[in-house]
C-alpha atoms as a PDB file:
ATOM      1  CA  UNK A   1      29.143  35.014 -30.728  1.00  0.00           C
ATOM      2  CA  UNK A   2      32.230  36.997 -30.786  1.00  0.00           C
ATOM      3  CA  UNK A   3      32.812  38.006 -27.294  1.00  0.00           C
ATOM      4  CA  UNK A   4      30.030  39.921 -25.693  1.00  0.00           C
ATOM      5  CA  UNK A   5      30.129  43.808 -25.037  1.00  0.00           C
ATOM      6  CA  UNK A   6      27.515  43.433 -22.312  1.00  0.00           C
ATOM      7  CA  UNK A   7      26.243  40.783 -19.995  1.00  0.00           C
ATOM      8  CA  UNK A   8      23.068  41.145 -18.619  1.00  0.00           C
ATOM      9  CA  UNK A   9      21.994  38.504 -15.146  1.00  0.00           C
ATOM     10  CA  UNK A  10      18.396  38.028 -15.305  1.00  0.00           C
ATOM     11  CA  UNK A  11      15.842  37.622 -18.155  1.00  0.00           C
ATOM     12  CA  UNK A  12      13.020  39.528 -16.304  1.00  0.00           C
ATOM     13  CA  UNK A  13      11.158  42.358 -17.663  1.00  0.00           C
ATOM     14  CA  UNK A  14      13.994  44.983 -16.365  1.00  0.00           C
ATOM     15  CA  UNK A  15      16.829  42.559 -17.693  1.00  0.00           C
ATOM     16  CA  UNK A  16      15.668  42.276 -21.130  1.00  0.00           C
ATOM     17  CA  UNK A  17      15.023  46.041 -21.930  1.00  0.00           C
ATOM     18  CA  UNK A  18      18.487  46.181 -21.124  1.00  0.00           C
ATOM     19  CA  UNK A  19      19.441  44.156 -23.207  1.00  0.00           C
ATOM     20  CA  UNK A  20      17.336  45.205 -25.834  1.00  0.00           C
ATOM     21  CA  UNK A  21      18.389  48.758 -26.060  1.00  0.00           C
ATOM     22  CA  UNK A  22      21.973  47.812 -26.013  1.00  0.00           C
ATOM     23  CA  UNK A  23      21.644  45.105 -28.996  1.00  0.00           C
ATOM     24  CA  UNK A  24      19.351  48.221 -30.828  1.00  0.00           C
ATOM     25  CA  UNK A  25      22.595  50.109 -30.595  1.00  0.00           C
ATOM     26  CA  UNK A  26      24.532  47.685 -32.342  1.00  0.00           C
ATOM     27  CA  UNK A  27      26.346  46.146 -28.798  1.00  0.00           C
ATOM     28  CA  UNK A  28      26.736  42.280 -28.714  1.00  0.00           C
ATOM     29  CA  UNK A  29      24.544  41.336 -25.917  1.00  0.00           C
ATOM     30  CA  UNK A  30      24.161  38.014 -23.990  1.00  0.00           C
ATOM     31  CA  UNK A  31      21.416  37.393 -20.912  1.00  0.00           C
ATOM     32  CA  UNK A  32      22.311  34.858 -18.546  1.00  0.00           C
ATOM     33  CA  UNK A  33      19.306  33.485 -16.383  1.00  0.00           C
ATOM     34  CA  UNK A  34      19.569  30.006 -14.660  1.00  0.00           C
ATOM     35  CA  UNK A  35      15.880  29.906 -14.614  1.00  0.00           C
ATOM     36  CA  UNK A  36      14.817  31.170 -18.055  1.00  0.00           C
ATOM     37  CA  UNK A  37      13.344  33.996 -19.212  1.00  0.00           C
ATOM     38  CA  UNK A  38      10.549  35.833 -17.555  1.00  0.00           C
ATOM     39  CA  UNK A  39      11.233  33.029 -14.315  1.00  0.00           C
ATOM     40  CA  UNK A  40      10.331  35.449 -11.829  1.00  0.00           C
ATOM     41  CA  UNK A  41       8.192  38.407 -11.089  1.00  0.00           C
ATOM     42  CA  UNK A  42       8.370  39.324 -14.422  1.00  0.00           C
ATOM     43  CA  UNK A  43       6.270  36.097 -15.296  1.00  0.00           C
ATOM     44  CA  UNK A  44       3.170  37.244 -14.264  1.00  0.00           C
ATOM     45  CA  UNK A  45      -0.207  37.418 -15.695  1.00  0.00           C
ATOM     46  CA  UNK A  46      -1.241  40.881 -14.730  1.00  0.00           C
ATOM     47  CA  UNK A  47      -0.185  43.793 -16.627  1.00  0.00           C
ATOM     48  CA  UNK A  48      -1.511  46.929 -14.959  1.00  0.00           C
ATOM     49  CA  UNK A  49       0.068  49.824 -16.784  1.00  0.00           C
ATOM     50  CA  UNK A  50      -1.426  52.389 -14.763  1.00  0.00           C
ATOM     51  CA  UNK A  51       0.547  56.255 -13.661  1.00  0.00           C
ATOM     52  CA  UNK A  52       0.761  57.651 -10.444  1.00  0.00           C
ATOM     53  CA  UNK A  53      -1.598  60.032  -9.534  1.00  0.00           C
ATOM     54  CA  UNK A  54      -1.020  63.756 -11.041  1.00  0.00           C
ATOM     55  CA  UNK A  55      -0.371  65.189  -7.827  1.00  0.00           C
ATOM     56  CA  UNK A  56       3.090  65.877  -5.714  1.00  0.00           C
ATOM     57  CA  UNK A  57       5.140  65.717  -9.267  1.00  0.00           C
ATOM     58  CA  UNK A  58       8.940  64.346  -8.774  1.00  0.00           C
ATOM     59  CA  UNK A  59      11.274  62.784 -10.894  1.00  0.00           C
ATOM     60  CA  UNK A  60       9.947  59.161 -10.386  1.00  0.00           C
ATOM     61  CA  UNK A  61       6.229  60.103 -11.940  1.00  0.00           C
ATOM     62  CA  UNK A  62       7.822  62.016 -14.418  1.00  0.00           C
ATOM     63  CA  UNK A  63      10.054  59.187 -15.673  1.00  0.00           C
ATOM     64  CA  UNK A  64       7.166  57.142 -15.330  1.00  0.00           C
ATOM     65  CA  UNK A  65       5.331  59.511 -17.593  1.00  0.00           C
ATOM     66  CA  UNK A  66       7.788  59.378 -20.432  1.00  0.00           C
ATOM     67  CA  UNK A  67       8.285  55.805 -19.984  1.00  0.00           C
ATOM     68  CA  UNK A  68       4.186  55.115 -20.547  1.00  0.00           C
ATOM     69  CA  UNK A  69       4.098  57.688 -23.320  1.00  0.00           C
ATOM     70  CA  UNK A  70       6.695  56.070 -25.310  1.00  0.00           C
ATOM     71  CA  UNK A  71       5.129  52.324 -24.629  1.00  0.00           C
ATOM     72  CA  UNK A  72       3.283  51.668 -27.395  1.00  0.00           C
ATOM     73  CA  UNK A  73       6.340  53.134 -30.136  1.00  0.00           C
ATOM     74  CA  UNK A  74       8.441  50.814 -28.196  1.00  0.00           C
ATOM     75  CA  UNK A  75       6.635  47.358 -27.703  1.00  0.00           C
ATOM     76  CA  UNK A  76       5.954  48.095 -31.684  1.00  0.00           C
ATOM     77  CA  UNK A  77       9.291  47.603 -32.029  1.00  0.00           C
ATOM     78  CA  UNK A  78       9.573  45.077 -30.107  1.00  0.00           C
ATOM     79  CA  UNK A  79       7.054  43.290 -31.999  1.00  0.00           C
ATOM     80  CA  UNK A  80       8.868  44.348 -35.417  1.00  0.00           C
ATOM     81  CA  UNK A  81      12.230  43.281 -34.422  1.00  0.00           C
ATOM     82  CA  UNK A  82      11.611  39.776 -33.240  1.00  0.00           C
ATOM     83  CA  UNK A  83       8.013  38.921 -34.835  1.00  0.00           C
ATOM     84  CA  UNK A  84       6.525  38.165 -31.478  1.00  0.00           C
ATOM     85  CA  UNK A  85       3.113  40.120 -29.973  1.00  0.00           C
ATOM     86  CA  UNK A  86       3.289  41.490 -26.748  1.00  0.00           C
ATOM     87  CA  UNK A  87      -0.392  42.076 -25.973  1.00  0.00           C
ATOM     88  CA  UNK A  88       0.210  45.920 -25.239  1.00  0.00           C
ATOM     89  CA  UNK A  89      -2.734  47.980 -25.405  1.00  0.00           C
ATOM     90  CA  UNK A  90      -3.404  52.040 -24.439  1.00  0.00           C
ATOM     91  CA  UNK A  91      -6.948  51.262 -23.566  1.00  0.00           C
ATOM     92  CA  UNK A  92      -7.108  53.548 -20.821  1.00  0.00           C
ATOM     93  CA  UNK A  93      -8.499  53.124 -16.778  1.00  0.00           C
ATOM     94  CA  UNK A  94     -11.896  53.315 -15.331  1.00  0.00           C
ATOM     95  CA  UNK A  95     -12.283  53.511 -11.770  1.00  0.00           C
ATOM     96  CA  UNK A  96     -15.408  54.070  -9.555  1.00  0.00           C
ATOM     97  CA  UNK A  97     -15.306  56.767  -7.232  1.00  0.00           C
ATOM     98  CA  UNK A  98     -16.608  55.623  -3.508  1.00  0.00           C
ATOM     99  CA  UNK A  99     -17.617  58.560  -1.728  1.00  0.00           C
ATOM    100  CA  UNK A 100     -17.787  62.905  -2.207  1.00  0.00           C
ATOM    101  CA  UNK A 101     -14.358  63.011  -0.689  1.00  0.00           C
ATOM    102  CA  UNK A 102     -13.104  60.749  -3.568  1.00  0.00           C
ATOM    103  CA  UNK A 103     -15.126  62.754  -5.796  1.00  0.00           C
ATOM    104  CA  UNK A 104     -13.596  65.890  -4.743  1.00  0.00           C
ATOM    105  CA  UNK A 105     -10.166  64.822  -5.026  1.00  0.00           C
ATOM    106  CA  UNK A 106     -10.391  62.965  -8.242  1.00  0.00           C
ATOM    107  CA  UNK A 107     -11.323  65.829  -9.648  1.00  0.00           C
ATOM    108  CA  UNK A 108      -8.325  68.015  -7.975  1.00  0.00           C
ATOM    109  CA  UNK A 109      -6.115  65.525  -9.726  1.00  0.00           C
ATOM    110  CA  UNK A 110      -8.187  66.056 -13.196  1.00  0.00           C
ATOM    111  CA  UNK A 111      -6.577  69.813 -12.905  1.00  0.00           C
ATOM    112  CA  UNK A 112      -3.080  68.484 -12.366  1.00  0.00           C
ATOM    113  CA  UNK A 113      -3.208  66.184 -14.707  1.00  0.00           C
ATOM    114  CA  UNK A 114      -4.180  69.104 -17.715  1.00  0.00           C
ATOM    115  CA  UNK A 115      -0.666  70.336 -17.044  1.00  0.00           C
ATOM    116  CA  UNK A 116       1.262  67.423 -15.815  1.00  0.00           C
ATOM    117  CA  UNK A 117       0.442  65.276 -18.636  1.00  0.00           C
ATOM    118  CA  UNK A 118       0.989  67.892 -21.040  1.00  0.00           C
ATOM    119  CA  UNK A 119      -1.818  67.124 -23.153  1.00  0.00           C
ATOM    120  CA  UNK A 120      -0.865  63.784 -24.226  1.00  0.00           C
ATOM    121  CA  UNK A 121      -3.763  61.917 -21.978  1.00  0.00           C
ATOM    122  CA  UNK A 122      -6.471  62.696 -19.782  1.00  0.00           C
ATOM    123  CA  UNK A 123      -7.656  62.099 -16.612  1.00  0.00           C
ATOM    124  CA  UNK A 124     -11.239  62.925 -16.035  1.00  0.00           C
ATOM    125  CA  UNK A 125     -14.321  62.779 -13.593  1.00  0.00           C
ATOM    126  CA  UNK A 126     -17.304  61.760 -15.694  1.00  0.00           C
ATOM    127  CA  UNK A 127     -20.729  60.136 -14.922  1.00  0.00           C
ATOM    128  CA  UNK A 128     -20.759  56.036 -14.353  1.00  0.00           C
ATOM    129  CA  UNK A 129     -22.691  54.532 -17.367  1.00  0.00           C
ATOM    130  CA  UNK A 130     -23.198  51.395 -16.004  1.00  0.00           C
ATOM    131  CA  UNK A 131     -23.225  48.357 -18.373  1.00  0.00           C
ATOM    132  CA  UNK A 132     -21.639  44.475 -18.427  1.00  0.00           C
ATOM    133  CA  UNK A 133     -17.894  46.444 -17.899  1.00  0.00           C
ATOM    134  CA  UNK A 134     -18.835  48.909 -16.523  1.00  0.00           C
ATOM    135  CA  UNK A 135     -18.254  48.664 -12.384  1.00  0.00           C
ATOM    136  CA  UNK A 136     -20.991  50.140 -10.053  1.00  0.00           C
ATOM    137  CA  UNK A 137     -20.067  53.612  -8.474  1.00  0.00           C
ATOM    138  CA  UNK A 138     -21.805  54.710  -5.444  1.00  0.00           C
ATOM    139  CA  UNK A 139     -21.845  58.435  -6.026  1.00  0.00           C
ATOM    140  CA  UNK A 140     -22.925  57.495  -9.698  1.00  0.00           C
ATOM    141  CA  UNK A 141     -19.143  59.071 -10.425  1.00  0.00           C
ATOM    142  CA  UNK A 142     -15.458  57.587 -12.404  1.00  0.00           C
ATOM    143  CA  UNK A 143     -12.374  58.167 -12.917  1.00  0.00           C
ATOM    144  CA  UNK A 144     -11.078  57.802 -16.673  1.00  0.00           C
ATOM    145  CA  UNK A 145      -8.114  58.092 -17.693  1.00  0.00           C
ATOM    146  CA  UNK A 146      -6.569  57.690 -21.358  1.00  0.00           C
ATOM    147  CA  UNK A 147      -2.940  57.076 -20.099  1.00  0.00           C
ATOM    148  CA  UNK A 148      -3.184  53.578 -18.891  1.00  0.00           C
ATOM    149  CA  UNK A 149      -2.689  50.487 -21.106  1.00  0.00           C
ATOM    150  CA  UNK A 150      -2.249  47.304 -20.617  1.00  0.00           C
ATOM    151  CA  UNK A 151       0.590  44.405 -21.659  1.00  0.00           C
ATOM    152  CA  UNK A 152       0.374  40.755 -21.630  1.00  0.00           C
ATOM    153  CA  UNK A 153       3.663  39.847 -19.247  1.00  0.00           C
ATOM    154  CA  UNK A 154       4.436  36.495 -20.150  1.00  0.00           C
ATOM    155  CA  UNK A 155       4.013  37.311 -23.461  1.00  0.00           C
ATOM    156  CA  UNK A 156       6.302  40.935 -23.348  1.00  0.00           C
ATOM    157  CA  UNK A 157       8.883  39.451 -21.809  1.00  0.00           C
ATOM    158  CA  UNK A 158       8.996  36.571 -24.293  1.00  0.00           C
ATOM    159  CA  UNK A 159       8.834  39.045 -27.582  1.00  0.00           C
ATOM    160  CA  UNK A 160      11.435  40.991 -25.721  1.00  0.00           C
ATOM    161  CA  UNK A 161      13.562  37.854 -25.812  1.00  0.00           C
ATOM    162  CA  UNK A 162      12.754  36.953 -29.467  1.00  0.00           C
ATOM    163  CA  UNK A 163      13.697  40.184 -30.462  1.00  0.00           C
ATOM    164  CA  UNK A 164      16.987  40.076 -28.621  1.00  0.00           C
ATOM    165  CA  UNK A 165      17.996  36.717 -30.700  1.00  0.00           C
ATOM    166  CA  UNK A 166      16.864  38.250 -33.910  1.00  0.00           C
ATOM    167  CA  UNK A 167      19.028  41.273 -33.560  1.00  0.00           C
ATOM    168  CA  UNK A 168      21.778  38.627 -32.798  1.00  0.00           C
ATOM    169  CA  UNK A 169      22.106  38.244 -28.838  1.00  0.00           C
ATOM    170  CA  UNK A 170      22.248  35.284 -27.027  1.00  0.00           C
ATOM    171  CA  UNK A 171      20.263  34.063 -23.971  1.00  0.00           C
ATOM    172  CA  UNK A 172      21.029  31.319 -21.751  1.00  0.00           C
ATOM    173  CA  UNK A 173      20.678  29.678 -18.746  1.00  0.00           C
ATOM    174  CA  UNK A 174      24.686  29.528 -18.041  1.00  0.00           C
ATOM    175  CA  UNK A 175      27.427  31.613 -19.310  1.00  0.00           C
ATOM    176  CA  UNK A 176      30.925  33.435 -18.579  1.00  0.00           C
ATOM    177  CA  UNK A 177      30.530  37.271 -17.982  1.00  0.00           C
ATOM    178  CA  UNK A 178      32.116  39.273 -20.508  1.00  0.00           C
ATOM    179  CA  UNK A 179      32.154  43.105 -21.235  1.00  0.00           C
ATOM    180  CA  UNK A 180      29.962  45.603 -19.168  1.00  0.00           C
ATOM    181  CA  UNK A 181      27.984  43.593 -16.450  1.00  0.00           C
ATOM    182  CA  UNK A 182      24.299  44.488 -15.612  1.00  0.00           C
ATOM    183  CA  UNK A 183      22.787  42.741 -12.219  1.00  0.00           C
ATOM    184  CA  UNK A 184      18.900  42.714 -13.074  1.00  0.00           C
ATOM    185  CA  UNK A 185      18.683  39.530 -10.840  1.00  0.00           C
ATOM    186  CA  UNK A 186      15.082  40.900  -8.929  1.00  0.00           C
ATOM    187  CA  UNK A 187      14.250  40.538  -5.174  1.00  0.00           C
ATOM    188  CA  UNK A 188      16.865  37.742  -4.364  1.00  0.00           C
ATOM    189  CA  UNK A 189      19.389  40.276  -5.830  1.00  0.00           C
ATOM    190  CA  UNK A 190      18.193  42.779  -3.474  1.00  0.00           C
ATOM    191  CA  UNK A 191      18.828  40.577  -0.545  1.00  0.00           C
ATOM    192  CA  UNK A 192      22.510  39.827  -1.955  1.00  0.00           C
ATOM    193  CA  UNK A 193      22.993  43.398  -1.539  1.00  0.00           C
ATOM    194  CA  UNK A 194      21.391  43.514   1.855  1.00  0.00           C
ATOM    195  CA  UNK A 195      23.624  40.882   2.676  1.00  0.00           C
ATOM    196  CA  UNK A 196      26.926  42.920   1.875  1.00  0.00           C
ATOM    197  CA  UNK A 197      25.446  46.227   3.883  1.00  0.00           C
ATOM    198  CA  UNK A 198      24.563  47.186   7.127  1.00  0.00           C
ATOM    199  CA  UNK A 199      20.637  47.401   6.978  1.00  0.00           C
ATOM    200  CA  UNK A 200      18.098  46.666   4.224  1.00  0.00           C
ATOM    201  CA  UNK A 201      18.563  47.591   0.461  1.00  0.00           C
ATOM    202  CA  UNK A 202      15.252  45.991  -0.719  1.00  0.00           C
ATOM    203  CA  UNK A 203      13.543  42.861  -0.088  1.00  0.00           C
ATOM    204  CA  UNK A 204      10.321  41.130  -1.807  1.00  0.00           C
ATOM    205  CA  UNK A 205       7.008  41.329  -1.952  1.00  0.00           C
ATOM    206  CA  UNK A 206       4.460  38.280  -2.730  1.00  0.00           C
ATOM    207  CA  UNK A 207       1.717  39.001  -5.342  1.00  0.00           C
ATOM    208  CA  UNK A 208      -1.228  36.275  -6.143  1.00  0.00           C
ATOM    209  CA  UNK A 209      -3.228  36.361  -9.105  1.00  0.00           C
ATOM    210  CA  UNK A 210      -5.690  34.616 -11.236  1.00  0.00           C
ATOM    211  CA  UNK A 211      -6.623  34.356 -15.028  1.00  0.00           C
ATOM    212  CA  UNK A 212     -10.206  33.661 -15.749  1.00  0.00           C
ATOM    213  CA  UNK A 213     -11.594  32.608 -19.234  1.00  0.00           C
ATOM    214  CA  UNK A 214     -13.760  35.563 -20.357  1.00  0.00           C
ATOM    215  CA  UNK A 215     -13.790  38.273 -23.291  1.00  0.00           C
ATOM    216  CA  UNK A 216     -13.076  41.413 -22.484  1.00  0.00           C
ATOM    217  CA  UNK A 217     -10.627  42.563 -25.077  1.00  0.00           C
ATOM    218  CA  UNK A 218     -10.881  46.084 -26.251  1.00  0.00           C
ATOM    219  CA  UNK A 219     -12.309  47.205 -22.864  1.00  0.00           C
ATOM    220  CA  UNK A 220     -10.658  49.529 -20.640  1.00  0.00           C
ATOM    221  CA  UNK A 221      -9.207  47.807 -17.516  1.00  0.00           C
ATOM    222  CA  UNK A 222     -10.534  48.844 -13.960  1.00  0.00           C
ATOM    223  CA  UNK A 223      -9.068  49.794 -10.832  1.00  0.00           C
ATOM    224  CA  UNK A 224     -11.874  48.927  -7.921  1.00  0.00           C
ATOM    225  CA  UNK A 225     -10.503  50.007  -4.006  1.00  0.00           C
ATOM    226  CA  UNK A 226      -7.101  48.287  -5.044  1.00  0.00           C
ATOM    227  CA  UNK A 227      -8.066  45.425  -7.273  1.00  0.00           C
ATOM    228  CA  UNK A 228      -7.175  45.540 -10.791  1.00  0.00           C
ATOM    229  CA  UNK A 229      -8.861  43.826 -13.132  1.00  0.00           C
ATOM    230  CA  UNK A 230      -7.687  43.862 -16.590  1.00  0.00           C
ATOM    231  CA  UNK A 231      -9.109  42.576 -20.144  1.00  0.00           C
ATOM    232  CA  UNK A 232      -6.316  41.207 -22.119  1.00  0.00           C
ATOM    233  CA  UNK A 233      -6.026  41.022 -25.613  1.00  0.00           C
ATOM    234  CA  UNK A 234      -6.682  36.967 -26.186  1.00  0.00           C
ATOM    235  CA  UNK A 235     -10.065  36.236 -24.480  1.00  0.00           C
ATOM    236  CA  UNK A 236      -8.903  36.433 -21.005  1.00  0.00           C
ATOM    237  CA  UNK A 237      -9.335  38.611 -18.057  1.00  0.00           C
ATOM    238  CA  UNK A 238      -6.581  39.098 -15.172  1.00  0.00           C
ATOM    239  CA  UNK A 239      -7.417  39.588 -11.429  1.00  0.00           C
ATOM    240  CA  UNK A 240      -4.650  40.797  -9.232  1.00  0.00           C
ATOM    241  CA  UNK A 241      -2.741  41.135  -7.181  1.00  0.00           C
ATOM    242  CA  UNK A 242      -2.037  40.618  -3.546  1.00  0.00           C
ATOM    243  CA  UNK A 243       0.812  42.456  -1.515  1.00  0.00           C
ATOM    244  CA  UNK A 244       2.381  40.225   0.842  1.00  0.00           C
ATOM    245  CA  UNK A 245       5.683  41.811   2.887  1.00  0.00           C
ATOM    246  CA  UNK A 246       5.425  38.232   4.761  1.00  0.00           C
ATOM    247  CA  UNK A 247       5.218  34.734   2.904  1.00  0.00           C
ATOM    248  CA  UNK A 248       6.218  30.909   3.895  1.00  0.00           C
ATOM    249  CA  UNK A 249       6.190  30.100   0.110  1.00  0.00           C
ATOM    250  CA  UNK A 250       7.050  32.255  -3.027  1.00  0.00           C
ATOM    251  CA  UNK A 251       5.078  30.484  -5.737  1.00  0.00           C
ATOM    252  CA  UNK A 252       1.969  29.103  -4.122  1.00  0.00           C
ATOM    253  CA  UNK A 253      -1.764  30.530  -3.689  1.00  0.00           C
ATOM    254  CA  UNK A 254      -3.767  30.258  -1.275  1.00  0.00           C
ATOM    255  CA  UNK A 255      -6.890  32.130   0.202  1.00  0.00           C
ATOM    256  CA  UNK A 256      -6.235  35.232  -0.241  1.00  0.00           C
ATOM    257  CA  UNK A 257      -6.215  34.927  -4.369  1.00  0.00           C
ATOM    258  CA  UNK A 258      -9.737  33.111  -3.271  1.00  0.00           C
ATOM    259  CA  UNK A 259     -10.446  36.226  -1.554  1.00  0.00           C
ATOM    260  CA  UNK A 260      -9.698  38.590  -4.551  1.00  0.00           C
ATOM    261  CA  UNK A 261     -11.685  36.690  -7.066  1.00  0.00           C
ATOM    262  CA  UNK A 262     -14.817  36.562  -4.747  1.00  0.00           C
ATOM    263  CA  UNK A 263     -14.287  40.585  -4.517  1.00  0.00           C
ATOM    264  CA  UNK A 264     -13.853  40.780  -8.223  1.00  0.00           C
ATOM    265  CA  UNK A 265     -16.960  38.651  -8.768  1.00  0.00           C
ATOM    266  CA  UNK A 266     -18.938  41.364  -6.113  1.00  0.00           C
ATOM    267  CA  UNK A 267     -17.613  44.409  -8.367  1.00  0.00           C
ATOM    268  CA  UNK A 268     -18.094  43.028 -11.616  1.00  0.00           C
ATOM    269  CA  UNK A 269     -20.817  40.319 -11.492  1.00  0.00           C
ATOM    270  CA  UNK A 270     -20.783  39.571 -15.487  1.00  0.00           C
ATOM    271  CA  UNK A 271     -17.396  37.495 -14.027  1.00  0.00           C
ATOM    272  CA  UNK A 272     -19.252  35.021 -11.655  1.00  0.00           C
ATOM    273  CA  UNK A 273     -19.530  32.587 -14.470  1.00  0.00           C
ATOM    274  CA  UNK A 274     -16.008  32.914 -15.629  1.00  0.00           C
ATOM    275  CA  UNK A 275     -13.226  29.700 -15.179  1.00  0.00           C
ATOM    276  CA  UNK A 276     -10.332  30.425 -13.980  1.00  0.00           C
ATOM    277  CA  UNK A 277      -7.753  29.196 -15.674  1.00  0.00           C
ATOM    278  CA  UNK A 278      -4.382  29.828 -14.048  1.00  0.00           C
ATOM    279  CA  UNK A 279      -3.437  30.882 -10.806  1.00  0.00           C
ATOM    280  CA  UNK A 280      -0.420  32.559 -10.405  1.00  0.00           C
ATOM    281  CA  UNK A 281       2.015  33.593  -7.311  1.00  0.00           C
ATOM    282  CA  UNK A 282       5.468  35.474  -7.682  1.00  0.00           C
ATOM    283  CA  UNK A 283       7.805  38.162  -5.816  1.00  0.00           C
ATOM    284  CA  UNK A 284       7.847  41.263  -6.552  1.00  0.00           C
ATOM    285  CA  UNK A 285      11.164  43.231  -5.876  1.00  0.00           C
ATOM    286  CA  UNK A 286      11.197  46.076  -4.073  1.00  0.00           C
ATOM    287  CA  UNK A 287      13.896  48.999  -3.197  1.00  0.00           C
ATOM    288  CA  UNK A 288      14.330  50.346  -0.054  1.00  0.00           C
ATOM    289  CA  UNK A 289      13.446  53.978  -1.611  1.00  0.00           C
ATOM    290  CA  UNK A 290      10.611  52.503  -3.491  1.00  0.00           C
ATOM    291  CA  UNK A 291      11.957  53.585  -6.495  1.00  0.00           C
ATOM    292  CA  UNK A 292      13.400  51.373  -9.500  1.00  0.00           C
ATOM    293  CA  UNK A 293      17.314  50.934  -8.907  1.00  0.00           C
ATOM    294  CA  UNK A 294      19.544  52.224 -11.752  1.00  0.00           C
ATOM    295  CA  UNK A 295      22.875  52.726 -12.178  1.00  0.00           C
ATOM    296  CA  UNK A 296      26.388  51.845 -11.270  1.00  0.00           C
ATOM    297  CA  UNK A 297      26.718  48.638  -9.037  1.00  0.00           C
ATOM    298  CA  UNK A 298      27.646  49.828  -5.473  1.00  0.00           C
ATOM    299  CA  UNK A 299      29.684  46.749  -4.596  1.00  0.00           C
ATOM    300  CA  UNK A 300      30.581  45.346  -7.804  1.00  0.00           C
ATOM    301  CA  UNK A 301      33.236  47.311  -9.641  1.00  0.00           C
ATOM    302  CA  UNK A 302      32.708  48.029 -12.577  1.00  0.00           C
ATOM    303  CA  UNK A 303      29.177  46.249 -13.072  1.00  0.00           C
ATOM    304  CA  UNK A 304      25.810  48.175 -13.264  1.00  0.00           C
ATOM    305  CA  UNK A 305      21.943  47.446 -11.374  1.00  0.00           C
ATOM    306  CA  UNK A 306      18.784  47.299 -13.035  1.00  0.00           C
ATOM    307  CA  UNK A 307      16.378  46.215 -10.335  1.00  0.00           C
ATOM    308  CA  UNK A 308      13.783  47.180  -7.970  1.00  0.00           C
ATOM    309  CA  UNK A 309      10.761  47.406 -10.796  1.00  0.00           C
ATOM    310  CA  UNK A 310       8.573  46.294  -7.720  1.00  0.00           C
ATOM    311  CA  UNK A 311       4.821  47.145  -8.975  1.00  0.00           C
ATOM    312  CA  UNK A 312       5.614  49.086 -12.361  1.00  0.00           C
ATOM    313  CA  UNK A 313       8.531  47.436 -13.341  1.00  0.00           C
ATOM    314  CA  UNK A 314       6.705  46.858 -17.151  1.00  0.00           C
ATOM    315  CA  UNK A 315       5.716  50.246 -17.110  1.00  0.00           C
ATOM    316  CA  UNK A 316       8.925  51.766 -16.585  1.00  0.00           C
ATOM    317  CA  UNK A 317      11.151  49.236 -18.448  1.00  0.00           C
ATOM    318  CA  UNK A 318      10.793  51.089 -22.180  1.00  0.00           C
ATOM    319  CA  UNK A 319      13.139  54.112 -20.398  1.00  0.00           C
ATOM    320  CA  UNK A 320      14.769  52.258 -18.037  1.00  0.00           C
ATOM    321  CA  UNK A 321      16.282  50.262 -20.877  1.00  0.00           C
ATOM    322  CA  UNK A 322      17.078  53.723 -22.844  1.00  0.00           C
ATOM    323  CA  UNK A 323      18.794  55.109 -19.890  1.00  0.00           C
ATOM    324  CA  UNK A 324      20.753  52.444 -18.587  1.00  0.00           C
ATOM    325  CA  UNK A 325      21.994  51.966 -22.450  1.00  0.00           C
ATOM    326  CA  UNK A 326      23.154  55.574 -22.799  1.00  0.00           C
ATOM    327  CA  UNK A 327      25.052  54.899 -19.506  1.00  0.00           C
ATOM    328  CA  UNK A 328      26.926  51.579 -20.334  1.00  0.00           C
ATOM    329  CA  UNK A 329      27.563  52.417 -23.882  1.00  0.00           C
ATOM    330  CA  UNK A 330      27.997  56.146 -23.854  1.00  0.00           C
ATOM    331  CA  UNK A 331      28.941  56.806 -20.427  1.00  0.00           C
ATOM    332  CA  UNK A 332      25.757  59.310 -20.352  1.00  0.00           C
ATOM    333  CA  UNK A 333      24.202  58.905 -17.113  1.00  0.00           C
ATOM    334  CA  UNK A 334      20.610  60.660 -17.363  1.00  0.00           C
ATOM    335  CA  UNK A 335      18.915  58.349 -14.577  1.00  0.00           C
ATOM    336  CA  UNK A 336      17.031  60.664 -11.984  1.00  0.00           C
ATOM    337  CA  UNK A 337      18.917  60.902  -8.967  1.00  0.00           C
ATOM    338  CA  UNK A 338      16.522  58.978  -6.573  1.00  0.00           C
ATOM    339  CA  UNK A 339      16.634  55.835  -8.866  1.00  0.00           C
ATOM    340  CA  UNK A 340      20.547  55.745  -8.107  1.00  0.00           C
ATOM    341  CA  UNK A 341      21.440  52.082  -5.924  1.00  0.00           C
ATOM    342  CA  UNK A 342      23.258  54.435  -3.597  1.00  0.00           C
ATOM    343  CA  UNK A 343      19.857  55.921  -2.566  1.00  0.00           C
ATOM    344  CA  UNK A 344      19.040  52.354  -1.463  1.00  0.00           C
ATOM    345  CA  UNK A 345      21.791  52.146   0.520  1.00  0.00           C
END
């Protein structure tokens, strides 16, 4: 490759989405990550692309909505470019409602969705028809939203890498910066920024998850008392995840994951005999503002930042890549002000 127009430091979903958007516009792109593609939180196994609740609307929720609505076309273009499947499907989500207060709140949110989701998805409160996959509901009512989707994170980042390479981009474990430099280095990158500032810019939050051998492909994902149950298209079901502010090891699983598995079986007894084929732990980058951090780097002159995806990185990534490419290649800034790195300083 001739000298790169864009160098992306970090091969997680944010970094790869920025690189893909830039390469799609004809830029010469290189992605550098000493640990390889999807080595951090983006190499997880859950893949729940779920919206924020349709109330108290703000720029973050509007950005996420736009990104979720473009996701099917986006991930399809990734597969078309590189030939690799992502495991994406907009299959919706079911949530049992535990009490009458929750039912009332959910019905109010359904009214909000009618307006805020622009008629492109619905949030409905409906009677529960318990079967093998449908969880029990104490009230007999559930939320069914048609905006939620799921993706296989490991397959998706590999598909992005394949697409970038098919367009002439390079992905390597080492290299020299050239052109515009984008720092998409996850929770360690947030720690490095904190070290250059007088207060915390962001930190890492550990999550643990498990993958079961159970074929429920085509079923909607479930969200039960904070637990995600994700039926992937490859005949596996992901269970996740914990949210740990303090941890000793970033990569080890422990009793907290065992607790999640017990909770999943209690909520959905058909999983009782499903074998655990993978246990995963990783650390997700959370900015101090809780919003994604997109824009010009506050400490490196001329560089850019794409970080802080936290739990919604895959849902935000399609649009995040596009707006970063606008800024990097065209000088057009259409990133929400709340996402500016300076907001987390």
